[in-house]
């Protein structure tokens, strides 16, 4: 399992991302490249990839430190 530190953007930010994705998607038209996009509700911003294995004590540490958020 991979562990990430990130957040879900606000609705306003998701709408901006959706507009950008729509424009980028136009670049693939006519090339026969199968591109699938996430639904805007699934957008997330990853700040830090913590890797695919994490010691138990480190997982508890991050859980404790991030609890106020």
N, C-alpha and C. Protein backbone atom coordinates (compact mmCIF):
# COMPACT_ATOMS: atom_id res chain seq x y z
N UNK A 1 0.85 -1.18 0.00
CA UNK A 1 0.00 0.00 0.00
C UNK A 1 0.89 1.23 0.00
N UNK A 2 0.55 2.22 -0.84
CA UNK A 2 1.28 3.47 -0.86
C UNK A 2 0.64 4.46 0.10
N UNK A 3 1.48 5.25 0.73
CA UNK A 3 1.01 6.28 1.66
C UNK A 3 1.34 7.64 1.07
N UNK A 4 0.37 8.55 1.13
CA UNK A 4 0.53 9.89 0.60
C UNK A 4 0.06 10.90 1.63
N UNK A 5 0.64 12.07 1.55
CA UNK A 5 0.16 13.20 2.34
C UNK A 5 -0.39 14.20 1.33
N UNK A 6 -1.66 14.53 1.45
CA UNK A 6 -2.26 15.42 0.48
C UNK A 6 -3.58 15.98 0.97
N UNK A 7 -4.31 16.59 0.06
CA UNK A 7 -5.60 17.17 0.41
C UNK A 7 -6.51 17.16 -0.80
N UNK A 8 -7.80 17.33 -0.56
CA UNK A 8 -8.78 17.46 -1.62
C UNK A 8 -9.02 18.95 -1.83
N UNK A 9 -8.94 19.44 -3.07
CA UNK A 9 -9.13 20.87 -3.31
C UNK A 9 -10.59 21.30 -3.11
N UNK A 10 -10.76 22.58 -2.92
CA UNK A 10 -12.10 23.14 -2.75
C UNK A 10 -12.89 23.01 -4.06
N UNK A 11 -14.17 23.25 -3.99
CA UNK A 11 -15.01 23.16 -5.18
C UNK A 11 -14.57 24.17 -6.24
N UNK A 12 -14.21 25.36 -5.80
CA UNK A 12 -13.74 26.39 -6.74
C UNK A 12 -12.46 25.92 -7.45
N UNK A 13 -11.54 25.35 -6.70
CA UNK A 13 -10.30 24.84 -7.30
C UNK A 13 -10.58 23.68 -8.24
N UNK A 14 -11.51 22.80 -7.85
CA UNK A 14 -11.87 21.67 -8.72
C UNK A 14 -12.43 22.17 -10.05
N UNK A 15 -13.23 23.22 -10.00
CA UNK A 15 -13.79 23.78 -11.24
C UNK A 15 -12.68 24.33 -12.14
N UNK A 16 -11.69 24.97 -11.54
CA UNK A 16 -10.55 25.48 -12.32
C UNK A 16 -9.75 24.33 -12.93
N UNK A 17 -9.54 23.29 -12.16
CA UNK A 17 -8.82 22.12 -12.67
C UNK A 17 -9.60 21.47 -13.80
N UNK A 18 -10.92 21.40 -13.63
CA UNK A 18 -11.79 20.80 -14.65
C UNK A 18 -11.66 21.55 -15.97
N UNK A 19 -11.60 22.88 -15.91
CA UNK A 19 -11.44 23.68 -17.12
C UNK A 19 -10.09 23.41 -17.78
N UNK A 20 -9.05 23.31 -16.96
CA UNK A 20 -7.71 23.03 -17.50
C UNK A 20 -7.66 21.64 -18.13
N UNK A 21 -8.28 20.66 -17.49
CA UNK A 21 -8.31 19.29 -18.02
C UNK A 21 -9.05 19.27 -19.35
N UNK A 22 -10.11 20.02 -19.45
CA UNK A 22 -10.87 20.08 -20.70
C UNK A 22 -9.98 20.60 -21.84
N UNK A 23 -9.18 21.65 -21.55
CA UNK A 23 -8.29 22.21 -22.57
C UNK A 23 -7.17 21.25 -22.93
N UNK A 24 -6.59 20.61 -21.94
CA UNK A 24 -5.52 19.63 -22.20
C UNK A 24 -6.07 18.46 -22.99
N UNK A 25 -7.28 18.05 -22.69
CA UNK A 25 -7.91 16.95 -23.39
C UNK A 25 -8.03 17.20 -24.88
N UNK A 26 -8.17 18.44 -25.28
CA UNK A 26 -8.27 18.79 -26.70
C UNK A 26 -6.99 18.41 -27.45
N UNK A 27 -5.87 18.39 -26.77
CA UNK A 27 -4.59 18.04 -27.40
C UNK A 27 -4.58 16.61 -27.90
N UNK A 28 -5.40 15.74 -27.32
CA UNK A 28 -5.42 14.33 -27.68
C UNK A 28 -6.44 14.00 -28.75
N UNK A 29 -7.30 14.96 -29.11
CA UNK A 29 -8.32 14.73 -30.13
C UNK A 29 -7.66 14.41 -31.46
N UNK A 30 -8.14 13.39 -32.13
CA UNK A 30 -7.66 13.06 -33.46
C UNK A 30 -6.40 12.20 -33.50
N UNK A 31 -5.81 11.89 -32.35
CA UNK A 31 -4.60 11.08 -32.33
C UNK A 31 -4.87 9.62 -32.01
N UNK A 32 -6.10 9.31 -31.65
CA UNK A 32 -6.44 7.94 -31.31
C UNK A 32 -5.80 7.47 -30.01
N UNK A 33 -5.46 8.41 -29.15
CA UNK A 33 -4.86 8.07 -27.85
C UNK A 33 -5.99 7.96 -26.83
N UNK A 34 -6.17 6.76 -26.26
CA UNK A 34 -7.25 6.61 -25.27
C UNK A 34 -6.87 7.28 -23.94
N UNK A 35 -7.57 8.33 -23.62
CA UNK A 35 -7.30 9.08 -22.39
C UNK A 35 -8.56 9.03 -21.52
N UNK A 36 -8.37 8.70 -20.25
CA UNK A 36 -9.49 8.72 -19.30
C UNK A 36 -9.16 9.72 -18.20
N UNK A 37 -10.13 10.50 -17.83
CA UNK A 37 -9.94 11.51 -16.80
C UNK A 37 -10.76 11.13 -15.57
N UNK A 38 -10.27 11.55 -14.42
CA UNK A 38 -11.01 11.35 -13.18
C UNK A 38 -12.21 12.29 -13.12
N UNK A 39 -13.19 11.87 -12.37
CA UNK A 39 -14.31 12.77 -12.08
C UNK A 39 -13.78 13.88 -11.16
N UNK A 40 -14.26 15.11 -11.31
CA UNK A 40 -13.76 16.22 -10.49
C UNK A 40 -13.85 15.96 -8.98
N UNK A 41 -14.82 15.18 -8.54
CA UNK A 41 -14.95 14.89 -7.11
C UNK A 41 -13.78 14.05 -6.60
N UNK A 42 -13.05 13.41 -7.50
CA UNK A 42 -11.93 12.54 -7.12
C UNK A 42 -10.58 13.25 -7.20
N UNK A 43 -10.55 14.50 -7.63
CA UNK A 43 -9.28 15.23 -7.72
C UNK A 43 -8.66 15.33 -6.34
N UNK A 44 -7.35 15.17 -6.30
CA UNK A 44 -6.62 15.33 -5.05
C UNK A 44 -5.25 15.90 -5.35
N UNK A 45 -4.68 16.56 -4.39
CA UNK A 45 -3.35 17.14 -4.54
C UNK A 45 -2.41 16.40 -3.60
N UNK A 46 -1.43 15.72 -4.17
CA UNK A 46 -0.46 14.99 -3.36
C UNK A 46 0.70 15.92 -3.04
N UNK A 47 0.98 16.08 -1.78
CA UNK A 47 2.09 16.92 -1.35
C UNK A 47 3.36 16.12 -1.13
N UNK A 48 3.20 14.88 -0.67
CA UNK A 48 4.35 14.06 -0.33
C UNK A 48 4.00 12.59 -0.50
N UNK A 49 4.84 11.87 -1.24
CA UNK A 49 4.68 10.43 -1.36
C UNK A 49 5.56 9.79 -0.29
N UNK A 50 4.94 9.12 0.64
CA UNK A 50 5.67 8.53 1.76
C UNK A 50 6.17 7.11 1.44
N UNK A 51 5.87 6.61 0.27
CA UNK A 51 6.38 5.31 -0.13
C UNK A 51 5.36 4.20 0.05
N UNK A 52 5.81 2.99 -0.29
CA UNK A 52 4.88 1.87 -0.25
C UNK A 52 5.02 1.03 1.02
N UNK A 53 5.94 1.37 1.86
CA UNK A 53 6.00 0.68 3.15
C UNK A 53 6.43 1.71 4.20
N UNK A 54 5.79 1.65 5.30
CA UNK A 54 6.07 2.60 6.37
C UNK A 54 6.03 1.85 7.69
N UNK A 55 7.07 2.04 8.50
CA UNK A 55 7.05 1.40 9.81
C UNK A 55 5.83 1.85 10.63
N UNK A 56 5.35 0.98 11.45
CA UNK A 56 4.17 1.24 12.26
C UNK A 56 4.32 2.49 13.11
N UNK A 57 5.49 2.68 13.72
CA UNK A 57 5.69 3.86 14.59
C UNK A 57 5.62 5.15 13.79
N UNK A 58 6.08 5.13 12.53
CA UNK A 58 6.02 6.33 11.70
C UNK A 58 4.57 6.63 11.32
N UNK A 59 3.81 5.59 11.03
CA UNK A 59 2.40 5.76 10.70
C UNK A 59 1.65 6.38 11.88
N UNK A 60 1.92 5.92 13.09
CA UNK A 60 1.30 6.49 14.28
C UNK A 60 1.71 7.94 14.49
N UNK A 61 2.98 8.24 14.23
CA UNK A 61 3.48 9.60 14.38
C UNK A 61 2.72 10.56 13.46
N UNK A 62 2.62 10.20 12.17
CA UNK A 62 1.92 11.07 11.23
C UNK A 62 0.44 11.19 11.60
N UNK A 63 -0.16 10.10 12.02
CA UNK A 63 -1.57 10.13 12.41
C UNK A 63 -1.77 11.09 13.58
N UNK A 64 -0.86 11.04 14.55
CA UNK A 64 -0.95 11.91 15.72
C UNK A 64 -0.73 13.36 15.33
N UNK A 65 0.28 13.64 14.51
CA UNK A 65 0.63 15.01 14.15
C UNK A 65 -0.45 15.66 13.25
N UNK A 66 -1.13 14.86 12.45
CA UNK A 66 -2.11 15.40 11.53
C UNK A 66 -3.53 15.40 12.07
N UNK A 67 -3.71 14.87 13.25
CA UNK A 67 -5.06 14.78 13.84
C UNK A 67 -5.77 16.13 13.91
N UNK A 68 -5.09 17.24 14.27
CA UNK A 68 -5.80 18.53 14.34
C UNK A 68 -6.39 18.98 13.01
N UNK A 69 -5.89 18.46 11.89
CA UNK A 69 -6.39 18.89 10.60
C UNK A 69 -7.59 18.07 10.24
